[in-house]
């Protein structure tokens, strides 16, 4: 099992991943960090927790949109199954791309969720002390 340190919102997080997935996890961390930085640029300093939650909601919205697109592609594929093989192949390719996008967004959400849980634990420890 490999380990990667990702930086999100100026904080380092050490995470485990399958061997060979280090660069992928690093890219996911970079995407989450960029989303938070973009929101910080748009909204200013409104608090790390709020920015993290807002980024999670935006990423969740992207995931929901991707799922909706996937559903549309699956419906189109279903209608075309008895039709032109070339159209079917194109639809299958679109479906595969949509599935890959959803998996990518799900991974991003998992990372953001882990970050949020960590921040909540940290905040609870600070508030409880």
C-alpha atoms as a PDB file:
ATOM      1  CA  UNK A   1       0.000   0.000   0.000  1.00  0.00           C
ATOM      2  CA  UNK A   2       1.424   3.338  -1.084  1.00  0.00           C
ATOM      3  CA  UNK A   3       1.088   6.672   0.686  1.00  0.00           C
ATOM      4  CA  UNK A   4       0.687  10.129  -0.802  1.00  0.00           C
ATOM      5  CA  UNK A   5       0.678  13.530   0.799  1.00  0.00           C
ATOM      6  CA  UNK A   6      -1.858  15.861  -0.788  1.00  0.00           C
ATOM      7  CA  UNK A   7      -2.211  19.530   0.016  1.00  0.00           C
ATOM      8  CA  UNK A   8      -5.728  20.911   0.220  1.00  0.00           C
ATOM      9  CA  UNK A   9      -6.442  24.463   1.335  1.00  0.00           C
ATOM     10  CA  UNK A  10      -2.891  24.839   2.561  1.00  0.00           C
ATOM     11  CA  UNK A  11      -2.958  21.726   4.735  1.00  0.00           C
ATOM     12  CA  UNK A  12      -1.124  18.487   4.105  1.00  0.00           C
ATOM     13  CA  UNK A  13      -2.966  15.188   4.335  1.00  0.00           C
ATOM     14  CA  UNK A  14      -1.214  11.841   4.228  1.00  0.00           C
ATOM     15  CA  UNK A  15      -3.374   9.266   2.451  1.00  0.00           C
ATOM     16  CA  UNK A  16      -2.997   5.613   1.592  1.00  0.00           C
ATOM     17  CA  UNK A  17      -3.757   4.276  -1.869  1.00  0.00           C
ATOM     18  CA  UNK A  18      -3.153   1.221  -3.979  1.00  0.00           C
ATOM     19  CA  UNK A  19       0.313   0.905  -5.454  1.00  0.00           C
ATOM     20  CA  UNK A  20       0.470   2.720  -8.770  1.00  0.00           C
ATOM     21  CA  UNK A  21      -2.380   5.102  -7.870  1.00  0.00           C
ATOM     22  CA  UNK A  22      -0.184   7.756  -6.288  1.00  0.00           C
ATOM     23  CA  UNK A  23      -0.268  10.230  -9.181  1.00  0.00           C
ATOM     24  CA  UNK A  24      -4.017   9.747  -9.610  1.00  0.00           C
ATOM     25  CA  UNK A  25      -4.653  10.497  -5.934  1.00  0.00           C
ATOM     26  CA  UNK A  26      -2.351  13.498  -6.167  1.00  0.00           C
ATOM     27  CA  UNK A  27      -4.329  14.820  -9.172  1.00  0.00           C
ATOM     28  CA  UNK A  28      -7.594  14.352  -7.273  1.00  0.00           C
ATOM     29  CA  UNK A  29      -6.188  16.274  -4.322  1.00  0.00           C
ATOM     30  CA  UNK A  30      -5.056  19.002  -6.708  1.00  0.00           C
ATOM     31  CA  UNK A  31      -8.567  19.213  -8.171  1.00  0.00           C
ATOM     32  CA  UNK A  32     -10.145  19.604  -4.733  1.00  0.00           C
ATOM     33  CA  UNK A  33      -7.515  22.171  -3.771  1.00  0.00           C
ATOM     34  CA  UNK A  34      -8.151  24.115  -6.986  1.00  0.00           C
ATOM     35  CA  UNK A  35     -11.911  24.060  -6.395  1.00  0.00           C
ATOM     36  CA  UNK A  36     -11.411  25.509  -2.900  1.00  0.00           C
ATOM     37  CA  UNK A  37      -8.929  28.101  -4.202  1.00  0.00           C
ATOM     38  CA  UNK A  38     -11.377  29.136  -6.945  1.00  0.00           C
ATOM     39  CA  UNK A  39     -14.124  29.538  -4.369  1.00  0.00           C
ATOM     40  CA  UNK A  40     -11.811  31.488  -2.073  1.00  0.00           C
ATOM     41  CA  UNK A  41     -11.038  33.826  -5.000  1.00  0.00           C
ATOM     42  CA  UNK A  42     -14.768  34.274  -5.661  1.00  0.00           C
ATOM     43  CA  UNK A  43     -16.031  34.607  -2.090  1.00  0.00           C
ATOM     44  CA  UNK A  44     -12.992  35.729  -0.117  1.00  0.00           C
ATOM     45  CA  UNK A  45     -11.996  34.404   3.272  1.00  0.00           C
ATOM     46  CA  UNK A  46     -15.250  32.958   4.591  1.00  0.00           C
ATOM     47  CA  UNK A  47     -13.655  30.196   6.640  1.00  0.00           C
ATOM     48  CA  UNK A  48     -11.982  26.956   5.676  1.00  0.00           C
ATOM     49  CA  UNK A  49     -14.879  24.799   6.811  1.00  0.00           C
ATOM     50  CA  UNK A  50     -17.446  26.786   4.823  1.00  0.00           C
ATOM     51  CA  UNK A  51     -15.208  26.742   1.723  1.00  0.00           C
ATOM     52  CA  UNK A  52     -14.747  22.980   2.092  1.00  0.00           C
ATOM     53  CA  UNK A  53     -18.485  22.406   2.417  1.00  0.00           C
ATOM     54  CA  UNK A  54     -19.206  24.664  -0.550  1.00  0.00           C
ATOM     55  CA  UNK A  55     -16.604  22.837  -2.633  1.00  0.00           C
ATOM     56  CA  UNK A  56     -18.160  19.506  -1.624  1.00  0.00           C
ATOM     57  CA  UNK A  57     -21.584  20.740  -2.728  1.00  0.00           C
ATOM     58  CA  UNK A  58     -20.221  21.959  -6.069  1.00  0.00           C
ATOM     59  CA  UNK A  59     -18.486  18.627  -6.657  1.00  0.00           C
ATOM     60  CA  UNK A  60     -21.665  16.779  -5.636  1.00  0.00           C
ATOM     61  CA  UNK A  61     -23.594  18.914  -8.131  1.00  0.00           C
ATOM     62  CA  UNK A  62     -21.096  17.991 -10.849  1.00  0.00           C
ATOM     63  CA  UNK A  63     -21.554  14.324  -9.917  1.00  0.00           C
ATOM     64  CA  UNK A  64     -25.367  14.640 -10.055  1.00  0.00           C
ATOM     65  CA  UNK A  65     -25.148  16.315 -13.462  1.00  0.00           C
ATOM     66  CA  UNK A  66     -22.846  13.551 -14.702  1.00  0.00           C
ATOM     67  CA  UNK A  67     -25.243  10.895 -13.429  1.00  0.00           C
ATOM     68  CA  UNK A  68     -28.083  12.624 -15.243  1.00  0.00           C
ATOM     69  CA  UNK A  69     -26.047  12.707 -18.443  1.00  0.00           C
ATOM     70  CA  UNK A  70     -25.201   9.041 -17.980  1.00  0.00           C
ATOM     71  CA  UNK A  71     -28.876   8.215 -17.562  1.00  0.00           C
ATOM     72  CA  UNK A  72     -29.640  10.020 -20.814  1.00  0.00           C
ATOM     73  CA  UNK A  73     -26.880   8.167 -22.615  1.00  0.00           C
ATOM     74  CA  UNK A  74     -28.116   4.838 -21.249  1.00  0.00           C
ATOM     75  CA  UNK A  75     -31.647   5.648 -22.427  1.00  0.00           C
ATOM     76  CA  UNK A  76     -30.338   6.555 -25.880  1.00  0.00           C
ATOM     77  CA  UNK A  77     -28.339   3.344 -25.962  1.00  0.00           C
ATOM     78  CA  UNK A  78     -31.404   1.342 -25.041  1.00  0.00           C
ATOM     79  CA  UNK A  79     -33.387   2.886 -27.913  1.00  0.00           C
ATOM     80  CA  UNK A  80     -30.577   2.250 -30.354  1.00  0.00           C
ATOM     81  CA  UNK A  81     -29.812  -1.348 -29.424  1.00  0.00           C
ATOM     82  CA  UNK A  82     -31.819  -2.685 -32.333  1.00  0.00           C
ATOM     83  CA  UNK A  83     -30.547   0.013 -34.685  1.00  0.00           C
ATOM     84  CA  UNK A  84     -27.327   0.970 -36.411  1.00  0.00           C
ATOM     85  CA  UNK A  85     -24.247  -0.766 -34.967  1.00  0.00           C
ATOM     86  CA  UNK A  86     -22.160   2.338 -35.492  1.00  0.00           C
ATOM     87  CA  UNK A  87     -24.549   4.412 -33.396  1.00  0.00           C
ATOM     88  CA  UNK A  88     -24.560   1.720 -30.750  1.00  0.00           C
ATOM     89  CA  UNK A  89     -20.756   1.748 -30.626  1.00  0.00           C
ATOM     90  CA  UNK A  90     -20.766   5.546 -30.284  1.00  0.00           C
ATOM     91  CA  UNK A  91     -23.334   5.353 -27.478  1.00  0.00           C
ATOM     92  CA  UNK A  92     -21.335   2.689 -25.658  1.00  0.00           C
ATOM     93  CA  UNK A  93     -18.268   4.913 -25.895  1.00  0.00           C
ATOM     94  CA  UNK A  94     -20.266   7.843 -24.460  1.00  0.00           C
ATOM     95  CA  UNK A  95     -21.510   5.609 -21.661  1.00  0.00           C
ATOM     96  CA  UNK A  96     -17.987   4.458 -20.855  1.00  0.00           C
ATOM     97  CA  UNK A  97     -16.821   8.069 -20.734  1.00  0.00           C
ATOM     98  CA  UNK A  98     -19.726   9.021 -18.481  1.00  0.00           C
ATOM     99  CA  UNK A  99     -18.998   6.118 -16.131  1.00  0.00           C
ATOM    100  CA  UNK A 100     -15.344   7.143 -15.981  1.00  0.00           C
ATOM    101  CA  UNK A 101     -16.366  10.720 -15.184  1.00  0.00           C
ATOM    102  CA  UNK A 102     -18.687   9.573 -12.400  1.00  0.00           C
ATOM    103  CA  UNK A 103     -15.976   7.377 -10.912  1.00  0.00           C
ATOM    104  CA  UNK A 104     -13.563  10.303 -11.058  1.00  0.00           C
ATOM    105  CA  UNK A 105     -16.063  12.600  -9.333  1.00  0.00           C
ATOM    106  CA  UNK A 106     -16.831   9.939  -6.721  1.00  0.00           C
ATOM    107  CA  UNK A 107     -13.126   9.721  -5.894  1.00  0.00           C
ATOM    108  CA  UNK A 108     -12.995  13.496  -5.591  1.00  0.00           C
ATOM    109  CA  UNK A 109     -15.978  13.400  -3.232  1.00  0.00           C
ATOM    110  CA  UNK A 110     -14.336  10.697  -1.116  1.00  0.00           C
ATOM    111  CA  UNK A 111     -11.224  12.830  -0.725  1.00  0.00           C
ATOM    112  CA  UNK A 112     -13.277  15.893   0.109  1.00  0.00           C
ATOM    113  CA  UNK A 113     -15.338  13.872   2.599  1.00  0.00           C
ATOM    114  CA  UNK A 114     -12.180  12.615   4.286  1.00  0.00           C
ATOM    115  CA  UNK A 115     -10.903  16.184   4.461  1.00  0.00           C
ATOM    116  CA  UNK A 116     -14.175  17.381   5.923  1.00  0.00           C
ATOM    117  CA  UNK A 117     -14.233  14.573   8.523  1.00  0.00           C
ATOM    118  CA  UNK A 118     -10.666  15.408   9.475  1.00  0.00           C
ATOM    119  CA  UNK A 119     -11.471  19.089   9.813  1.00  0.00           C
ATOM    120  CA  UNK A 120     -14.551  18.339  11.897  1.00  0.00           C
ATOM    121  CA  UNK A 121     -12.505  16.087  14.209  1.00  0.00           C
ATOM    122  CA  UNK A 122      -9.838  18.776  14.474  1.00  0.00           C
ATOM    123  CA  UNK A 123     -12.426  21.451  15.112  1.00  0.00           C
ATOM    124  CA  UNK A 124     -14.206  19.262  17.678  1.00  0.00           C
ATOM    125  CA  UNK A 125     -10.874  18.701  19.444  1.00  0.00           C
ATOM    126  CA  UNK A 126     -10.165  22.441  19.504  1.00  0.00           C
ATOM    127  CA  UNK A 127     -13.677  23.322  20.663  1.00  0.00           C
ATOM    128  CA  UNK A 128     -13.706  20.531  23.249  1.00  0.00           C
ATOM    129  CA  UNK A 129     -10.366  21.518  24.737  1.00  0.00           C
END
